[in-house]
């Protein structure tokens, strides 16, 4: 495999992960599981590769991720207060 095709593969994977997260409003962990990669790799694709490809797509993913974090915080606070 040439360096160009590896780069293309990385770009395609970053875009596919982003579209998956946006479409299903899922977490990075869910996307990593779906694509058979580690959570760290998925996060790296979103935070390092995606912004250089499409800032619009990156900000859409960030919106979903930030929303998921807020939901997690709310649920975690409910569990702490009720437990």
N, C-alpha and C. Protein backbone atom coordinates (compact mmCIF):
# COMPACT_ATOMS: atom_id res chain seq x y z
N UNK A 1 0.84 -1.19 0.00
CA UNK A 1 0.00 0.00 0.00
C UNK A 1 0.88 1.25 0.00
N UNK A 2 0.56 2.20 -0.82
CA UNK A 2 1.36 3.42 -0.87
C UNK A 2 0.92 4.38 0.24
N UNK A 3 1.77 5.36 0.49
CA UNK A 3 1.48 6.36 1.53
C UNK A 3 0.21 7.13 1.20
N UNK A 4 -0.04 7.36 -0.08
CA UNK A 4 -1.24 8.11 -0.47
C UNK A 4 -2.50 7.32 -0.12
N UNK A 5 -2.51 6.03 -0.41
CA UNK A 5 -3.71 5.25 -0.13
C UNK A 5 -3.93 5.08 1.37
N UNK A 6 -2.87 5.01 2.14
CA UNK A 6 -3.02 4.95 3.60
C UNK A 6 -3.63 6.25 4.11
N UNK A 7 -3.16 7.37 3.58
CA UNK A 7 -3.72 8.68 3.96
C UNK A 7 -5.19 8.77 3.56
N UNK A 8 -5.50 8.31 2.36
CA UNK A 8 -6.89 8.31 1.90
C UNK A 8 -7.77 7.45 2.80
N UNK A 9 -7.22 6.31 3.21
CA UNK A 9 -7.97 5.41 4.10
C UNK A 9 -8.24 6.09 5.44
N UNK A 10 -7.25 6.81 5.95
CA UNK A 10 -7.40 7.53 7.22
C UNK A 10 -8.48 8.62 7.09
N UNK A 11 -8.45 9.33 5.99
CA UNK A 11 -9.44 10.39 5.74
C UNK A 11 -10.84 9.80 5.63
N UNK A 12 -10.96 8.72 4.87
CA UNK A 12 -12.27 8.08 4.73
C UNK A 12 -12.80 7.57 6.06
N UNK A 13 -11.92 6.98 6.87
CA UNK A 13 -12.34 6.46 8.17
C UNK A 13 -12.79 7.61 9.08
N UNK A 14 -12.06 8.72 9.08
CA UNK A 14 -12.43 9.87 9.91
C UNK A 14 -13.80 10.41 9.50
N UNK A 15 -14.03 10.49 8.20
CA UNK A 15 -15.33 10.98 7.72
C UNK A 15 -16.44 10.00 8.08
N UNK A 16 -16.20 8.71 7.91
CA UNK A 16 -17.21 7.71 8.24
C UNK A 16 -17.55 7.70 9.72
N UNK A 17 -16.54 7.84 10.57
CA UNK A 17 -16.78 7.91 12.01
C UNK A 17 -17.61 9.15 12.33
N UNK A 18 -17.24 10.28 11.75
CA UNK A 18 -17.97 11.52 12.00
C UNK A 18 -19.42 11.41 11.57
N UNK A 19 -19.66 10.90 10.39
CA UNK A 19 -21.04 10.76 9.90
C UNK A 19 -21.83 9.81 10.79
N UNK A 20 -21.20 8.74 11.24
CA UNK A 20 -21.87 7.79 12.14
C UNK A 20 -22.27 8.47 13.45
N UNK A 21 -21.34 9.21 14.04
CA UNK A 21 -21.63 9.90 15.30
C UNK A 21 -22.76 10.92 15.12
N UNK A 22 -22.71 11.68 14.06
CA UNK A 22 -23.74 12.69 13.81
C UNK A 22 -25.09 12.03 13.54
N UNK A 23 -25.10 11.01 12.72
CA UNK A 23 -26.35 10.35 12.34
C UNK A 23 -27.04 9.70 13.52
N UNK A 24 -26.27 8.98 14.34
CA UNK A 24 -26.85 8.21 15.44
C UNK A 24 -26.73 8.90 16.79
N UNK A 25 -26.14 10.10 16.80
CA UNK A 25 -25.96 10.86 18.05
C UNK A 25 -25.31 10.00 19.12
N UNK A 26 -24.34 9.22 18.69
CA UNK A 26 -23.71 8.26 19.60
C UNK A 26 -22.41 8.81 20.16
N UNK A 27 -21.82 8.04 21.04
CA UNK A 27 -20.57 8.42 21.67
C UNK A 27 -19.39 7.97 20.82
N UNK A 28 -18.22 8.49 21.14
CA UNK A 28 -17.00 8.03 20.48
C UNK A 28 -16.80 6.55 20.76
N UNK A 29 -17.12 6.13 21.96
CA UNK A 29 -16.98 4.71 22.32
C UNK A 29 -17.86 3.84 21.43
N UNK A 30 -19.10 4.26 21.19
CA UNK A 30 -20.00 3.51 20.31
C UNK A 30 -19.44 3.44 18.89
N UNK A 31 -18.94 4.56 18.40
CA UNK A 31 -18.39 4.61 17.04
C UNK A 31 -17.14 3.73 16.94
N UNK A 32 -16.31 3.76 17.95
CA UNK A 32 -15.10 2.94 17.94
C UNK A 32 -15.47 1.46 17.87
N UNK A 33 -16.45 1.07 18.65
CA UNK A 33 -16.90 -0.32 18.64
C UNK A 33 -17.45 -0.70 17.27
N UNK A 34 -18.23 0.17 16.67
CA UNK A 34 -18.82 -0.08 15.36
C UNK A 34 -17.74 -0.28 14.29
N UNK A 35 -16.68 0.53 14.35
CA UNK A 35 -15.64 0.49 13.33
C UNK A 35 -14.48 -0.44 13.70
N UNK A 36 -14.57 -1.09 14.86
CA UNK A 36 -13.55 -2.06 15.24
C UNK A 36 -12.19 -1.45 15.55
N UNK A 37 -12.22 -0.25 16.14
CA UNK A 37 -10.99 0.43 16.52
C UNK A 37 -11.08 0.83 17.99
N UNK A 38 -9.96 1.23 18.55
CA UNK A 38 -9.98 1.64 19.95
C UNK A 38 -10.63 3.02 20.10
N UNK A 39 -11.07 3.29 21.30
CA UNK A 39 -11.66 4.60 21.60
C UNK A 39 -10.62 5.70 21.37
N UNK A 40 -9.38 5.42 21.71
CA UNK A 40 -8.30 6.40 21.52
C UNK A 40 -8.11 6.72 20.04
N UNK A 41 -8.12 5.69 19.20
CA UNK A 41 -7.96 5.90 17.77
C UNK A 41 -9.13 6.69 17.21
N UNK A 42 -10.35 6.35 17.62
CA UNK A 42 -11.53 7.08 17.15
C UNK A 42 -11.45 8.54 17.57
N UNK A 43 -11.05 8.77 18.81
CA UNK A 43 -10.94 10.14 19.30
C UNK A 43 -9.87 10.90 18.52
N UNK A 44 -8.76 10.25 18.25
CA UNK A 44 -7.68 10.88 17.48
C UNK A 44 -8.16 11.24 16.07
N UNK A 45 -8.92 10.34 15.46
CA UNK A 45 -9.46 10.62 14.12
C UNK A 45 -10.35 11.86 14.14
N UNK A 46 -11.17 11.97 15.18
CA UNK A 46 -12.09 13.10 15.27
C UNK A 46 -11.34 14.39 15.62
N UNK A 47 -10.42 14.32 16.57
CA UNK A 47 -9.79 15.55 17.05
C UNK A 47 -8.60 16.01 16.22
N UNK A 48 -7.91 15.08 15.55
CA UNK A 48 -6.70 15.45 14.81
C UNK A 48 -6.90 15.43 13.29
N UNK A 49 -7.54 14.40 12.77
CA UNK A 49 -7.66 14.24 11.32
C UNK A 49 -8.83 15.05 10.77
N UNK A 50 -9.99 14.92 11.40
CA UNK A 50 -11.20 15.54 10.87
C UNK A 50 -11.12 17.05 10.69
N UNK A 51 -10.58 17.82 11.63
CA UNK A 51 -10.55 19.28 11.44
C UNK A 51 -9.81 19.71 10.17
N UNK A 52 -8.80 18.96 9.78
CA UNK A 52 -8.06 19.34 8.57
C UNK A 52 -8.80 18.94 7.29
N UNK A 53 -9.81 18.08 7.43
CA UNK A 53 -10.61 17.65 6.28
C UNK A 53 -11.83 18.54 6.11
N UNK A 54 -12.57 18.71 7.20
CA UNK A 54 -13.82 19.48 7.14
C UNK A 54 -14.13 20.08 8.50
N UNK A 55 -13.95 21.38 8.60
CA UNK A 55 -14.25 22.03 9.89
C UNK A 55 -15.75 21.97 10.18
N UNK A 56 -16.58 22.02 9.15
CA UNK A 56 -18.03 21.94 9.34
C UNK A 56 -18.42 20.59 9.97
N UNK A 57 -17.90 19.53 9.43
CA UNK A 57 -18.17 18.20 9.96
C UNK A 57 -17.63 18.06 11.38
N UNK A 58 -16.44 18.60 11.59
CA UNK A 58 -15.82 18.55 12.92
C UNK A 58 -16.72 19.24 13.96
N UNK A 59 -17.23 20.41 13.65
CA UNK A 59 -18.06 21.12 14.61
C UNK A 59 -19.40 20.42 14.84
N UNK A 60 -19.91 19.75 13.84
CA UNK A 60 -21.14 18.97 14.03
C UNK A 60 -20.89 17.80 14.99
N UNK A 61 -19.75 17.15 14.82
CA UNK A 61 -19.40 16.05 15.73
C UNK A 61 -19.18 16.59 17.13
N UNK A 62 -18.48 17.70 17.25
CA UNK A 62 -18.23 18.29 18.58
C UNK A 62 -19.55 18.60 19.28
N UNK A 63 -20.52 19.09 18.53
CA UNK A 63 -21.82 19.40 19.12
C UNK A 63 -22.46 18.14 19.72
N UNK A 64 -22.40 17.04 18.99
CA UNK A 64 -22.95 15.77 19.49
C UNK A 64 -22.18 15.30 20.72
N UNK A 65 -20.86 15.35 20.64
CA UNK A 65 -20.02 14.90 21.75
C UNK A 65 -20.26 15.76 22.99
N UNK A 66 -20.31 17.06 22.81
CA UNK A 66 -20.56 17.96 23.95
C UNK A 66 -21.93 17.71 24.55
N UNK A 67 -22.92 17.47 23.71
CA UNK A 67 -24.26 17.15 24.20
C UNK A 67 -24.25 15.85 24.99
N UNK A 68 -23.54 14.84 24.49
CA UNK A 68 -23.43 13.57 25.20
C UNK A 68 -22.78 13.75 26.56
N UNK A 69 -21.77 14.62 26.63
CA UNK A 69 -21.10 14.90 27.91
C UNK A 69 -22.08 15.53 28.90
N UNK A 70 -22.89 16.46 28.43
CA UNK A 70 -23.87 17.11 29.30
C UNK A 70 -24.89 16.09 29.83
N UNK A 71 -25.36 15.23 28.95
CA UNK A 71 -26.30 14.19 29.37
C UNK A 71 -25.66 13.28 30.41
N UNK A 72 -24.41 12.91 30.19
CA UNK A 72 -23.68 12.07 31.14
C UNK A 72 -23.57 12.76 32.50
N UNK A 73 -23.23 14.05 32.50
CA UNK A 73 -23.10 14.79 33.76
C UNK A 73 -24.43 14.85 34.50
N UNK A 74 -25.51 15.11 33.78
CA UNK A 74 -26.84 15.17 34.39
C UNK A 74 -27.20 13.82 35.01
N UNK A 75 -27.01 12.75 34.25
CA UNK A 75 -27.33 11.42 34.75
C UNK A 75 -26.44 11.03 35.92
N UNK A 76 -25.18 11.40 35.86
CA UNK A 76 -24.25 11.09 36.94
C UNK A 76 -24.64 11.83 38.22
N UNK A 77 -25.04 13.09 38.08
CA UNK A 77 -25.47 13.87 39.25
C UNK A 77 -26.74 13.28 39.86
N UNK A 78 -27.66 12.82 39.03
CA UNK A 78 -28.89 12.18 39.55
C UNK A 78 -28.54 10.95 40.35
N UNK A 79 -27.61 10.14 39.83
CA UNK A 79 -27.21 8.92 40.52
C UNK A 79 -26.51 9.22 41.84
N UNK A 80 -25.68 10.26 41.87
CA UNK A 80 -24.98 10.63 43.11
C UNK A 80 -25.98 11.14 44.13
N UNK A 81 -26.94 11.96 43.71
CA UNK A 81 -27.91 12.53 44.63
C UNK A 81 -28.91 11.51 45.13
N UNK A 82 -29.18 10.47 44.34
CA UNK A 82 -30.17 9.44 44.72
C UNK A 82 -29.51 8.24 45.37
N UNK A 83 -28.20 8.18 45.36
CA UNK A 83 -27.52 6.98 45.83
C UNK A 83 -26.96 7.17 47.15
